[in-house]
Each structure stands twice: as structure tokens, then as C-alpha cells.
Amino acid sequence: MDDRRNQVLSGEAVNRRGAPTRPPGPSRRLDLDADPLPAQYRNQATVERGFRFLEDTAFRVSEIFLKKPSRIETLAMITTLSLFIYSLTEFRVGKALGERNETVPGKVRTPTRKPTLTWLFFLFRGVQVLEITWDGGSARTIHGLKDVLKHILGLLGPACEKYYRLDKYCGM
């Protein structure tokens, strides 16, 4: 009987119809402090903001049809990982800008210390990399890499800068 009581108190027990049973008496009340609730709500908004890309027509997520549960789970895992990287990159750029007391151009040409990653991707839209390889070697050139983009790459660190270095390829 103690096992059944523990299940009921923990919310793990179910009735004959399969619905979860509620703990009896005063333990039903949730003793929540009102102070942390606004912070928790703000954190939830950050997560919800990350899922806005699902509505963006550029991603065409609504056109993906998956039947096997394993593929659905895989897509969910990739999506979660992508959102983590997206949020982490936004955080790193914002933190670096704050520490250096610097800004980057925002959407309405006003400086900002908290650019979205979508905006940073938009700024990089005009960058083109041309790499030519022949028997004796290779040459690489990058067009459209403006000073502000070099600044953003510097904020992201050497792991991102290495993809835009010219000196490695053609002595520039």
C-alpha cells in the first residue's frame, strides 16, 4: 500500500481509465513563490522565440513529411541542436559586444549590442568565396567581406575567422 501511496503523491499513479490521479488533501496545493515566476516566464519567451523559424517560409519546415518515429525524433534532435547553437552564438556575440563596449549596425541602421543571428546572417548575404584549383595549386578570393563583417568574425573567434582567411591560400 505504501508503494501505491508514493505513486499517488508523486503524480505517477493512474486510475482505471488511464488518467493520472491527483494527490489527496493539502499536498495538491503548489507552494510557489511569486518572485521567480517573471524570470521563468522570460526564459520561456527566449525558447519560444527560437522556434519562430518554423513559421518562416525560407525554411519550409511545414513541407517535411516524416512517417517513421525514428526520423521524427532525429529531426527533433537536429532542430534542438540547431536552436542551441543559434542561441549560443547570439549569446557569445552579445557578450563580446558588451565586454568590449562595441556595437554593430542594427536593422534600422541604429547601433545594437544584441543583434539576432538572423540579422547577422543577413549581413553576410553578399559575401562570395571563389576558390580555383588546378594541377599546380589553388587560389582563393573573397568578395564582399566588409569591415563590419570582419568585426563580427572577430567577435565569433578564430573558429569562424578561419573560413574567411585569405593569407592561407594566396598570400593576401
Foldseek 3Di string as FASTA:
>chain_A
DVVQLVCQLVQNDADPVRHTHHHDDPSNDDDDDPVCVVVVVVVVVLVVVLPCCVVPVVVVPVVDDDDDPVVVVVVVVVSVVVSVVQVVLQVLQLVLCVVVVHFAQEPVRDTDSRHHVVVLVVQCPPKDKDKDADDVFIAIDIPDCDPSNVVSQVSSPPVSVVVVDRCVGDND
